[in-house]
């Protein structure tokens, strides 16, 4: 099982951690929500919790709880610019459908 980030996403994560004054990494989770059933949740983590699994990729740490991992196993987090907008994009091989906003998915 794994979660990864692209080099562009890693740069943005490091910038955000530096701007906020530190942290151990980025916590990625899934919550029941959104128009497709599940929604991604991102937050910066100051410490790992006992239920977190840690993945280190491109020099950044991603923390994922055991319940979320089966839904996002194999996901690659990317940083994309589309027109005037930029942000994280989730490339989740488990998703069978995505909503138009890209923030929720179905499995």
PDB file of N, CA and C in Angstrom:
ATOM      1  N   UNK A   1       0.844  -1.175   0.000  1.00  0.00           N
ATOM      2  CA  UNK A   1       0.000   0.000   0.000  1.00  0.00           C
ATOM      3  C   UNK A   1       0.889   1.238   0.000  1.00  0.00           C
ATOM      4  N   UNK A   2       0.469   2.226  -0.761  1.00  0.00           N
ATOM      5  CA  UNK A   2       1.287   3.427  -0.834  1.00  0.00           C
ATOM      6  C   UNK A   2       0.472   4.642  -1.274  1.00  0.00           C
ATOM      7  N   UNK A   3       0.998   5.787  -0.934  1.00  0.00           N
ATOM      8  CA  UNK A   3       0.497   7.090  -1.348  1.00  0.00           C
ATOM      9  C   UNK A   3       1.738   7.858  -1.780  1.00  0.00           C
ATOM     10  N   UNK A   4       1.648   8.629  -2.868  1.00  0.00           N
ATOM     11  CA  UNK A   4       2.820   9.365  -3.319  1.00  0.00           C
ATOM     12  C   UNK A   4       2.431  10.782  -3.739  1.00  0.00           C
ATOM     13  N   UNK A   5       3.451  11.600  -3.925  1.00  0.00           N
ATOM     14  CA  UNK A   5       3.263  12.963  -4.415  1.00  0.00           C
ATOM     15  C   UNK A   5       4.195  13.182  -5.597  1.00  0.00           C
ATOM     16  N   UNK A   6       3.795  14.082  -6.467  1.00  0.00           N
ATOM     17  CA  UNK A   6       4.668  14.476  -7.566  1.00  0.00           C
ATOM     18  C   UNK A   6       5.678  15.490  -7.044  1.00  0.00           C
ATOM     19  N   UNK A   7       6.758  15.716  -7.781  1.00  0.00           N
ATOM     20  CA  UNK A   7       7.712  16.748  -7.354  1.00  0.00           C
ATOM     21  C   UNK A   7       7.065  18.118  -7.169  1.00  0.00           C
ATOM     22  N   UNK A   8       6.116  18.494  -8.051  1.00  0.00           N
ATOM     23  CA  UNK A   8       5.441  19.799  -7.917  1.00  0.00           C
ATOM     24  C   UNK A   8       4.628  19.870  -6.627  1.00  0.00           C
ATOM     25  N   UNK A   9       3.941  18.786  -6.286  1.00  0.00           N
ATOM     26  CA  UNK A   9       3.154  18.769  -5.047  1.00  0.00           C
ATOM     27  C   UNK A   9       4.071  18.843  -3.836  1.00  0.00           C
ATOM     28  N   UNK A  10       5.199  18.143  -3.896  1.00  0.00           N
ATOM     29  CA  UNK A  10       6.147  18.159  -2.772  1.00  0.00           C
ATOM     30  C   UNK A  10       6.669  19.563  -2.512  1.00  0.00           C
ATOM     31  N   UNK A  11       6.952  20.312  -3.572  1.00  0.00           N
ATOM     32  CA  UNK A  11       7.413  21.699  -3.421  1.00  0.00           C
ATOM     33  C   UNK A  11       6.356  22.522  -2.691  1.00  0.00           C
ATOM     34  N   UNK A  12       5.095  22.371  -3.072  1.00  0.00           N
ATOM     35  CA  UNK A  12       4.022  23.141  -2.446  1.00  0.00           C
ATOM     36  C   UNK A  12       3.821  22.752  -0.986  1.00  0.00           C
ATOM     37  N   UNK A  13       3.952  21.464  -0.685  1.00  0.00           N
ATOM     38  CA  UNK A  13       3.811  21.006   0.703  1.00  0.00           C
ATOM     39  C   UNK A  13       4.930  21.589   1.552  1.00  0.00           C
ATOM     40  N   UNK A  14       6.166  21.523   1.053  1.00  0.00           N
ATOM     41  CA  UNK A  14       7.301  22.081   1.809  1.00  0.00           C
ATOM     42  C   UNK A  14       7.132  23.583   2.018  1.00  0.00           C
ATOM     43  N   UNK A  15       6.690  24.305   0.978  1.00  0.00           N
ATOM     44  CA  UNK A  15       6.468  25.752   1.110  1.00  0.00           C
ATOM     45  C   UNK A  15       5.440  26.043   2.199  1.00  0.00           C
ATOM     46  N   UNK A  16       4.348  25.295   2.199  1.00  0.00           N
ATOM     47  CA  UNK A  16       3.287  25.524   3.179  1.00  0.00           C
ATOM     48  C   UNK A  16       3.765  25.195   4.589  1.00  0.00           C
ATOM     49  N   UNK A  17       4.525  24.126   4.745  1.00  0.00           N
ATOM     50  CA  UNK A  17       5.054  23.773   6.069  1.00  0.00           C
ATOM     51  C   UNK A  17       6.011  24.853   6.556  1.00  0.00           C
ATOM     52  N   UNK A  18       6.869  25.360   5.668  1.00  0.00           N
ATOM     53  CA  UNK A  18       7.790  26.432   6.048  1.00  0.00           C
ATOM     54  C   UNK A  18       7.029  27.692   6.438  1.00  0.00           C
ATOM     55  N   UNK A  19       5.999  28.028   5.666  1.00  0.00           N
ATOM     56  CA  UNK A  19       5.215  29.236   5.929  1.00  0.00           C
ATOM     57  C   UNK A  19       4.498  29.170   7.276  1.00  0.00           C
ATOM     58  N   UNK A  20       4.019  27.982   7.628  1.00  0.00           N
ATOM     59  CA  UNK A  20       3.305  27.844   8.907  1.00  0.00           C
ATOM     60  C   UNK A  20       4.263  27.623  10.078  1.00  0.00           C
ATOM     61  N   UNK A  21       5.562  27.503   9.799  1.00  0.00           N
ATOM     62  CA  UNK A  21       6.551  27.387  10.858  1.00  0.00           C
ATOM     63  C   UNK A  21       6.879  25.963  11.250  1.00  0.00           C
ATOM     64  N   UNK A  22       6.519  24.985  10.425  1.00  0.00           N
ATOM     65  CA  UNK A  22       6.903  23.602  10.696  1.00  0.00           C
ATOM     66  C   UNK A  22       5.738  22.640  10.653  1.00  0.00           C
ATOM     67  N   UNK A  23       6.025  21.437  11.083  1.00  0.00           N
ATOM     68  CA  UNK A  23       5.072  20.348  11.060  1.00  0.00           C
ATOM     69  C   UNK A  23       5.773  19.093  10.565  1.00  0.00           C
ATOM     70  N   UNK A  24       5.178  17.942  10.818  1.00  0.00           N
ATOM     71  CA  UNK A  24       5.813  16.695  10.394  1.00  0.00           C
ATOM     72  C   UNK A  24       5.423  16.296   8.981  1.00  0.00           C
ATOM     73  N   UNK A  25       4.308  16.808   8.488  1.00  0.00           N
ATOM     74  CA  UNK A  25       3.889  16.446   7.141  1.00  0.00           C
ATOM     75  C   UNK A  25       2.451  16.801   6.870  1.00  0.00           C
ATOM     76  N   UNK A  26       1.904  16.155   5.858  1.00  0.00           N
ATOM     77  CA  UNK A  26       0.536  16.406   5.414  1.00  0.00           C
ATOM     78  C   UNK A  26      -0.312  15.179   5.706  1.00  0.00           C
ATOM     79  N   UNK A  27      -1.428  15.386   6.407  1.00  0.00           N
ATOM     80  CA  UNK A  27      -2.359  14.291   6.701  1.00  0.00           C
ATOM     81  C   UNK A  27      -3.410  14.243   5.605  1.00  0.00           C
ATOM     82  N   UNK A  28      -3.570  13.065   5.014  1.00  0.00           N
ATOM     83  CA  UNK A  28      -4.549  12.828   3.958  1.00  0.00           C
ATOM     84  C   UNK A  28      -5.552  11.826   4.491  1.00  0.00           C
ATOM     85  N   UNK A  29      -6.831  12.184   4.411  1.00  0.00           N
ATOM     86  CA  UNK A  29      -7.892  11.313   4.920  1.00  0.00           C
ATOM     87  C   UNK A  29      -9.074  11.352   3.967  1.00  0.00           C
ATOM     88  N   UNK A  30     -10.021  10.470   4.225  1.00  0.00           N
ATOM     89  CA  UNK A  30     -11.252  10.410   3.457  1.00  0.00           C
ATOM     90  C   UNK A  30     -12.403  10.524   4.440  1.00  0.00           C
ATOM     91  N   UNK A  31     -13.398  11.331   4.070  1.00  0.00           N
ATOM     92  CA  UNK A  31     -14.595  11.443   4.896  1.00  0.00           C
ATOM     93  C   UNK A  31     -15.813  11.183   4.012  1.00  0.00           C
ATOM     94  N   UNK A  32     -16.882  10.722   4.619  1.00  0.00           N
ATOM     95  CA  UNK A  32     -18.119  10.500   3.884  1.00  0.00           C
ATOM     96  C   UNK A  32     -18.756  11.859   3.651  1.00  0.00           C
ATOM     97  N   UNK A  33     -18.840  12.236   2.375  1.00  0.00           N
ATOM     98  CA  UNK A  33     -19.331  13.572   2.046  1.00  0.00           C
ATOM     99  C   UNK A  33     -19.283  13.750   0.549  1.00  0.00           C
ATOM    100  N   UNK A  34     -19.664  14.904   0.101  1.00  0.00           N
ATOM    101  CA  UNK A  34     -19.530  15.257  -1.300  1.00  0.00           C
ATOM    102  C   UNK A  34     -20.611  14.636  -2.161  1.00  0.00           C
ATOM    103  N   UNK A  35     -20.647  15.047  -3.389  1.00  0.00           N
ATOM    104  CA  UNK A  35     -21.698  14.593  -4.293  1.00  0.00           C
ATOM    105  C   UNK A  35     -21.453  13.184  -4.817  1.00  0.00           C
ATOM    106  N   UNK A  36     -20.242  12.650  -4.630  1.00  0.00           N
ATOM    107  CA  UNK A  36     -19.948  11.302  -5.117  1.00  0.00           C
ATOM    108  C   UNK A  36     -19.825  10.261  -3.999  1.00  0.00           C
ATOM    109  N   UNK A  37     -19.937  10.661  -2.752  1.00  0.00           N
ATOM    110  CA  UNK A  37     -19.904   9.706  -1.649  1.00  0.00           C
ATOM    111  C   UNK A  37     -18.765   9.901  -0.670  1.00  0.00           C
ATOM    112  N   UNK A  38     -17.564  10.169  -1.174  1.00  0.00           N
ATOM    113  CA  UNK A  38     -16.400  10.384  -0.319  1.00  0.00           C
ATOM    114  C   UNK A  38     -15.718  11.676  -0.725  1.00  0.00           C
ATOM    115  N   UNK A  39     -15.097  12.324   0.251  1.00  0.00           N
ATOM    116  CA  UNK A  39     -14.346  13.548  -0.027  1.00  0.00           C
ATOM    117  C   UNK A  39     -12.966  13.432   0.595  1.00  0.00           C
ATOM    118  N   UNK A  40     -11.993  14.015  -0.086  1.00  0.00           N
ATOM    119  CA  UNK A  40     -10.624  14.061   0.432  1.00  0.00           C
ATOM    120  C   UNK A  40     -10.531  15.145   1.500  1.00  0.00           C
ATOM    121  N   UNK A  41      -9.727  14.882   2.502  1.00  0.00           N
ATOM    122  CA  UNK A  41      -9.473  15.875   3.548  1.00  0.00           C
ATOM    123  C   UNK A  41      -7.963  15.996   3.726  1.00  0.00           C
ATOM    124  N   UNK A  42      -7.465  17.205   3.669  1.00  0.00           N
ATOM    125  CA  UNK A  42      -6.040  17.485   3.848  1.00  0.00           C
ATOM    126  C   UNK A  42      -5.853  18.431   5.021  1.00  0.00           C
ATOM    127  N   UNK A  43      -4.844  18.159   5.829  1.00  0.00           N
ATOM    128  CA  UNK A  43      -4.472  19.100   6.883  1.00  0.00           C
ATOM    129  C   UNK A  43      -3.005  18.878   7.220  1.00  0.00           C
ATOM    130  N   UNK A  44      -2.359  19.928   7.662  1.00  0.00           N
ATOM    131  CA  UNK A  44      -0.969  19.799   8.058  1.00  0.00           C
ATOM    132  C   UNK A  44      -0.921  19.223   9.467  1.00  0.00           C
ATOM    133  N   UNK A  45       0.015  18.333   9.686  1.00  0.00           N
ATOM    134  CA  UNK A  45       0.108  17.630  10.965  1.00  0.00           C
ATOM    135  C   UNK A  45       1.350  18.091  11.722  1.00  0.00           C
ATOM    136  N   UNK A  46       1.154  18.390  13.000  1.00  0.00           N
ATOM    137  CA  UNK A  46       2.276  18.747  13.856  1.00  0.00           C
ATOM    138  C   UNK A  46       2.909  17.517  14.486  1.00  0.00           C
ATOM    139  N   UNK A  47       2.140  16.427  14.533  1.00  0.00           N
ATOM    140  CA  UNK A  47       2.670  15.164  15.045  1.00  0.00           C
ATOM    141  C   UNK A  47       1.829  14.022  14.487  1.00  0.00           C
ATOM    142  N   UNK A  48       2.426  12.857  14.430  1.00  0.00           N
ATOM    143  CA  UNK A  48       1.704  11.677  13.959  1.00  0.00           C
ATOM    144  C   UNK A  48       0.885  11.110  15.110  1.00  0.00           C
ATOM    145  N   UNK A  49      -0.300  10.605  14.793  1.00  0.00           N
ATOM    146  CA  UNK A  49      -1.113   9.947  15.810  1.00  0.00           C
ATOM    147  C   UNK A  49      -0.866   8.438  15.715  1.00  0.00           C
ATOM    148  N   UNK A  50      -1.219   7.683  16.751  1.00  0.00           N
ATOM    149  CA  UNK A  50      -0.951   6.243  16.749  1.00  0.00           C
ATOM    150  C   UNK A  50      -1.605   5.482  15.595  1.00  0.00           C
ATOM    151  N   UNK A  51      -2.734   5.960  15.086  1.00  0.00           N
ATOM    152  CA  UNK A  51      -3.412   5.256  13.990  1.00  0.00           C
ATOM    153  C   UNK A  51      -2.892   5.657  12.610  1.00  0.00           C
ATOM    154  N   UNK A  52      -1.955   6.596  12.525  1.00  0.00           N
ATOM    155  CA  UNK A  52      -1.422   7.043  11.239  1.00  0.00           C
ATOM    156  C   UNK A  52      -0.396   6.065  10.684  1.00  0.00           C
ATOM    157  N   UNK A  53      -0.477   5.854   9.382  1.00  0.00           N
ATOM    158  CA  UNK A  53       0.577   5.182   8.628  1.00  0.00           C
ATOM    159  C   UNK A  53       1.325   6.290   7.908  1.00  0.00           C
ATOM    160  N   UNK A  54       2.646   6.229   7.886  1.00  0.00           N
ATOM    161  CA  UNK A  54       3.451   7.296   7.307  1.00  0.00           C
ATOM    162  C   UNK A  54       4.108   6.826   6.020  1.00  0.00           C
ATOM    163  N   UNK A  55       3.968   7.647   4.986  1.00  0.00           N
ATOM    164  CA  UNK A  55       4.603   7.395   3.699  1.00  0.00           C
ATOM    165  C   UNK A  55       5.511   8.579   3.408  1.00  0.00           C
ATOM    166  N   UNK A  56       6.772   8.312   3.092  1.00  0.00           N
ATOM    167  CA  UNK A  56       7.691   9.394   2.743  1.00  0.00           C
ATOM    168  C   UNK A  56       7.969   9.314   1.253  1.00  0.00           C
ATOM    169  N   UNK A  57       7.710  10.397   0.560  1.00  0.00           N
ATOM    170  CA  UNK A  57       7.890  10.453  -0.880  1.00  0.00           C
ATOM    171  C   UNK A  57       8.315  11.856  -1.290  1.00  0.00           C
ATOM    172  N   UNK A  58       9.277  11.945  -2.186  1.00  0.00           N
ATOM    173  CA  UNK A  58       9.769  13.242  -2.677  1.00  0.00           C
ATOM    174  C   UNK A  58      10.195  14.156  -1.527  1.00  0.00           C
ATOM    175  N   UNK A  59      10.666  13.577  -0.425  1.00  0.00           N
ATOM    176  CA  UNK A  59      11.153  14.366   0.693  1.00  0.00           C
ATOM    177  C   UNK A  59      10.088  14.921   1.626  1.00  0.00           C
ATOM    178  N   UNK A  60       8.826  14.501   1.462  1.00  0.00           N
ATOM    179  CA  UNK A  60       7.769  14.935   2.373  1.00  0.00           C
ATOM    180  C   UNK A  60       7.078  13.711   2.971  1.00  0.00           C
ATOM    181  N   UNK A  61       6.503  13.899   4.142  1.00  0.00           N
ATOM    182  CA  UNK A  61       5.779  12.819   4.807  1.00  0.00           C
ATOM    183  C   UNK A  61       4.280  12.993   4.632  1.00  0.00           C
ATOM    184  N   UNK A  62       3.623  11.896   4.279  1.00  0.00           N
ATOM    185  CA  UNK A  62       2.171  11.852   4.185  1.00  0.00           C
ATOM    186  C   UNK A  62       1.685  10.918   5.272  1.00  0.00           C
ATOM    187  N   UNK A  63       0.709  11.361   6.060  1.00  0.00           N
ATOM    188  CA  UNK A  63       0.144  10.559   7.130  1.00  0.00           C
ATOM    189  C   UNK A  63      -1.278  10.182   6.750  1.00  0.00           C
ATOM    190  N   UNK A  64      -1.589   8.889   6.849  1.00  0.00           N
ATOM    191  CA  UNK A  64      -2.900   8.387   6.447  1.00  0.00           C
ATOM    192  C   UNK A  64      -3.396   7.434   7.523  1.00  0.00           C
ATOM    193  N   UNK A  65      -4.657   7.580   7.941  1.00  0.00           N
ATOM    194  CA  UNK A  65      -5.214   6.659   8.924  1.00  0.00           C
ATOM    195  C   UNK A  65      -5.576   5.341   8.229  1.00  0.00           C
ATOM    196  N   UNK A  66      -5.591   4.276   8.991  1.00  0.00           N
ATOM    197  CA  UNK A  66      -5.840   2.941   8.462  1.00  0.00           C
ATOM    198  C   UNK A  66      -7.192   2.764   7.803  1.00  0.00           C
ATOM    199  N   UNK A  67      -8.211   3.506   8.219  1.00  0.00           N
ATOM    200  CA  UNK A  67      -9.531   3.391   7.611  1.00  0.00           C
ATOM    201  C   UNK A  67      -9.593   4.049   6.239  1.00  0.00           C
ATOM    202  N   UNK A  68      -8.852   5.121   6.048  1.00  0.00           N
ATOM    203  CA  UNK A  68      -8.854   5.832   4.769  1.00  0.00           C
ATOM    204  C   UNK A  68      -7.987   5.137   3.724  1.00  0.00           C
ATOM    205  N   UNK A  69      -6.932   4.461   4.165  1.00  0.00           N
ATOM    206  CA  UNK A  69      -5.958   3.922   3.229  1.00  0.00           C
ATOM    207  C   UNK A  69      -6.538   3.006   2.157  1.00  0.00           C
ATOM    208  N   UNK A  70      -7.447   2.067   2.454  1.00  0.00           N
ATOM    209  CA  UNK A  70      -7.964   1.218   1.376  1.00  0.00           C
ATOM    210  C   UNK A  70      -8.675   2.002   0.263  1.00  0.00           C
ATOM    211  N   UNK A  71      -9.241   3.156   0.588  1.00  0.00           N
ATOM    212  CA  UNK A  71      -9.952   3.963  -0.403  1.00  0.00           C
ATOM    213  C   UNK A  71      -9.014   4.799  -1.267  1.00  0.00           C
ATOM    214  N   UNK A  72      -7.801   5.053  -0.762  1.00  0.00           N
ATOM    215  CA  UNK A  72      -6.873   5.914  -1.495  1.00  0.00           C
ATOM    216  C   UNK A  72      -5.537   5.246  -1.775  1.00  0.00           C
ATOM    217  N   UNK A  73      -5.446   3.948  -1.537  1.00  0.00           N
ATOM    218  CA  UNK A  73      -4.213   3.229  -1.817  1.00  0.00           C
ATOM    219  C   UNK A  73      -3.814   3.422  -3.277  1.00  0.00           C
ATOM    220  N   UNK A  74      -2.571   3.774  -3.496  1.00  0.00           N
ATOM    221  CA  UNK A  74      -2.078   3.993  -4.845  1.00  0.00           C
ATOM    222  C   UNK A  74      -2.293   5.399  -5.369  1.00  0.00           C
ATOM    223  N   UNK A  75      -2.908   6.269  -4.573  1.00  0.00           N
ATOM    224  CA  UNK A  75      -3.185   7.640  -5.002  1.00  0.00           C
ATOM    225  C   UNK A  75      -1.899   8.442  -5.110  1.00  0.00           C
ATOM    226  N   UNK A  76      -1.847   9.260  -6.145  1.00  0.00           N
ATOM    227  CA  UNK A  76      -0.751  10.215  -6.309  1.00  0.00           C
ATOM    228  C   UNK A  76      -1.340  11.617  -6.185  1.00  0.00           C
ATOM    229  N   UNK A  77      -0.747  12.404  -5.321  1.00  0.00           N
ATOM    230  CA  UNK A  77      -1.168  13.790  -5.115  1.00  0.00           C
ATOM    231  C   UNK A  77      -0.308  14.676  -6.005  1.00  0.00           C
ATOM    232  N   UNK A  78      -0.952  15.462  -6.845  1.00  0.00           N
ATOM    233  CA  UNK A  78      -0.250  16.327  -7.784  1.00  0.00           C
ATOM    234  C   UNK A  78      -0.631  17.778  -7.514  1.00  0.00           C
ATOM    235  N   UNK A  79       0.155  18.696  -8.029  1.00  0.00           N
ATOM    236  CA  UNK A  79      -0.146  20.128  -7.968  1.00  0.00           C
ATOM    237  C   UNK A  79      -0.330  20.595  -9.401  1.00  0.00           C
ATOM    238  N   UNK A  80      -1.518  21.111  -9.707  1.00  0.00           N
ATOM    239  CA  UNK A  80      -1.810  21.500 -11.080  1.00  0.00           C
ATOM    240  C   UNK A  80      -2.311  22.933 -11.151  1.00  0.00           C
ATOM    241  N   UNK A  81      -2.068  23.527 -12.294  1.00  0.00           N
ATOM    242  CA  UNK A  81      -2.584  24.870 -12.585  1.00  0.00           C
ATOM    243  C   UNK A  81      -3.492  24.725 -13.798  1.00  0.00           C
ATOM    244  N   UNK A  82      -4.745  25.131 -13.638  1.00  0.00           N
ATOM    245  CA  UNK A  82      -5.721  25.085 -14.717  1.00  0.00           C
ATOM    246  C   UNK A  82      -6.324  26.473 -14.855  1.00  0.00           C
ATOM    247  N   UNK A  83      -5.923  27.175 -15.890  1.00  0.00           N
ATOM    248  CA  UNK A  83      -6.373  28.554 -16.046  1.00  0.00           C
ATOM    249  C   UNK A  83      -5.827  29.418 -14.926  1.00  0.00           C
ATOM    250  N   UNK A  84      -6.723  30.099 -14.217  1.00  0.00           N
ATOM    251  CA  UNK A  84      -6.311  30.956 -13.107  1.00  0.00           C
ATOM    252  C   UNK A  84      -6.264  30.208 -11.784  1.00  0.00           C
ATOM    253  N   UNK A  85      -6.701  28.959 -11.773  1.00  0.00           N
ATOM    254  CA  UNK A  85      -6.765  28.179 -10.540  1.00  0.00           C
ATOM    255  C   UNK A  85      -5.581  27.231 -10.431  1.00  0.00           C
ATOM    256  N   UNK A  86      -5.155  27.000  -9.205  1.00  0.00           N
ATOM    257  CA  UNK A  86      -4.126  26.008  -8.951  1.00  0.00           C
ATOM    258  C   UNK A  86      -4.421  25.331  -7.632  1.00  0.00           C
ATOM    259  N   UNK A  87      -4.002  24.086  -7.533  1.00  0.00           N
ATOM    260  CA  UNK A  87      -4.241  23.351  -6.300  1.00  0.00           C
ATOM    261  C   UNK A  87      -3.894  21.887  -6.452  1.00  0.00           C
ATOM    262  N   UNK A  88      -4.154  21.134  -5.399  1.00  0.00           N
ATOM    263  CA  UNK A  88      -3.859  19.714  -5.404  1.00  0.00           C
ATOM    264  C   UNK A  88      -4.876  18.960  -6.250  1.00  0.00           C
ATOM    265  N   UNK A  89      -4.391  17.945  -6.928  1.00  0.00           N
ATOM    266  CA  UNK A  89      -5.245  17.053  -7.704  1.00  0.00           C
ATOM    267  C   UNK A  89      -4.935  15.634  -7.251  1.00  0.00           C
ATOM    268  N   UNK A  90      -5.990  14.874  -7.018  1.00  0.00           N
ATOM    269  CA  UNK A  90      -5.856  13.501  -6.544  1.00  0.00           C
ATOM    270  C   UNK A  90      -5.998  12.542  -7.718  1.00  0.00           C
ATOM    271  N   UNK A  91      -4.965  11.780  -8.002  1.00  0.00           N
ATOM    272  CA  UNK A  91      -5.011  10.744  -9.030  1.00  0.00           C
ATOM    273  C   UNK A  91      -5.193   9.417  -8.309  1.00  0.00           C
ATOM    274  N   UNK A  92      -6.460   9.050  -8.094  1.00  0.00           N
ATOM    275  CA  UNK A  92      -6.826   7.888  -7.284  1.00  0.00           C
ATOM    276  C   UNK A  92      -7.261   6.743  -8.197  1.00  0.00           C
ATOM    277  N   UNK A  93      -6.474   5.662  -8.264  1.00  0.00           N
ATOM    278  CA  UNK A  93      -6.828   4.545  -9.138  1.00  0.00           C
ATOM    279  C   UNK A  93      -8.045   3.758  -8.657  1.00  0.00           C
ATOM    280  N   UNK A  94      -8.481   3.968  -7.428  1.00  0.00           N
ATOM    281  CA  UNK A  94      -9.636   3.261  -6.872  1.00  0.00           C
ATOM    282  C   UNK A  94     -10.959   3.946  -7.182  1.00  0.00           C
ATOM    283  N   UNK A  95     -10.907   5.202  -7.595  1.00  0.00           N
ATOM    284  CA  UNK A  95     -12.126   5.971  -7.843  1.00  0.00           C
ATOM    285  C   UNK A  95     -12.817   5.467  -9.111  1.00  0.00           C
ATOM    286  N   UNK A  96     -14.096   5.151  -8.970  1.00  0.00           N
ATOM    287  CA  UNK A  96     -14.891   4.733 -10.122  1.00  0.00           C
ATOM    288  C   UNK A  96     -15.637   5.918 -10.726  1.00  0.00           C
ATOM    289  N   UNK A  97     -15.760   6.997  -9.966  1.00  0.00           N
ATOM    290  CA  UNK A  97     -16.401   8.223 -10.444  1.00  0.00           C
ATOM    291  C   UNK A  97     -15.864   9.394  -9.634  1.00  0.00           C
ATOM    292  N   UNK A  98     -15.786  10.554 -10.262  1.00  0.00           N
ATOM    293  CA  UNK A  98     -15.359  11.786  -9.604  1.00  0.00           C
ATOM    294  C   UNK A  98     -16.389  12.863  -9.873  1.00  0.00           C
ATOM    295  N   UNK A  99     -16.560  13.760  -8.919  1.00  0.00           N
ATOM    296  CA  UNK A  99     -17.469  14.875  -9.166  1.00  0.00           C
ATOM    297  C   UNK A  99     -16.746  15.914 -10.026  1.00  0.00           C
ATOM    298  N   UNK A 100     -17.471  16.854 -10.538  1.00  0.00           N
ATOM    299  CA  UNK A 100     -16.901  17.873 -11.404  1.00  0.00           C
ATOM    300  C   UNK A 100     -15.855  18.745 -10.728  1.00  0.00           C
ATOM    301  N   UNK A 101     -15.982  18.943  -9.420  1.00  0.00           N
ATOM    302  CA  UNK A 101     -15.026  19.795  -8.719  1.00  0.00           C
ATOM    303  C   UNK A 101     -13.725  19.063  -8.395  1.00  0.00           C
ATOM    304  N   UNK A 102     -13.730  17.720  -8.498  1.00  0.00           N
ATOM    305  CA  UNK A 102     -12.524  16.948  -8.244  1.00  0.00           C
ATOM    306  C   UNK A 102     -12.235  16.693  -6.773  1.00  0.00           C
ATOM    307  N   UNK A 103     -13.137  17.104  -5.895  1.00  0.00           N
ATOM    308  CA  UNK A 103     -12.893  16.937  -4.472  1.00  0.00           C
ATOM    309  C   UNK A 103     -13.625  15.754  -3.856  1.00  0.00           C
ATOM    310  N   UNK A 104     -14.526  15.135  -4.609  1.00  0.00           N
ATOM    311  CA  UNK A 104     -15.191  13.949  -4.073  1.00  0.00           C
ATOM    312  C   UNK A 104     -15.158  12.846  -5.117  1.00  0.00           C
ATOM    313  N   UNK A 105     -15.334  11.614  -4.633  1.00  0.00           N
ATOM    314  CA  UNK A 105     -15.206  10.464  -5.516  1.00  0.00           C
ATOM    315  C   UNK A 105     -16.048   9.307  -4.993  1.00  0.00           C
ATOM    316  N   UNK A 106     -16.247   8.312  -5.843  1.00  0.00           N
ATOM    317  CA  UNK A 106     -16.936   7.075  -5.469  1.00  0.00           C
ATOM    318  C   UNK A 106     -16.002   5.908  -5.740  1.00  0.00           C
ATOM    319  N   UNK A 107     -16.177   4.828  -4.984  1.00  0.00           N
ATOM    320  CA  UNK A 107     -15.402   3.607  -5.227  1.00  0.00           C
ATOM    321  C   UNK A 107     -16.340   2.447  -5.463  1.00  0.00           C
TER     322      UNK A 107
END
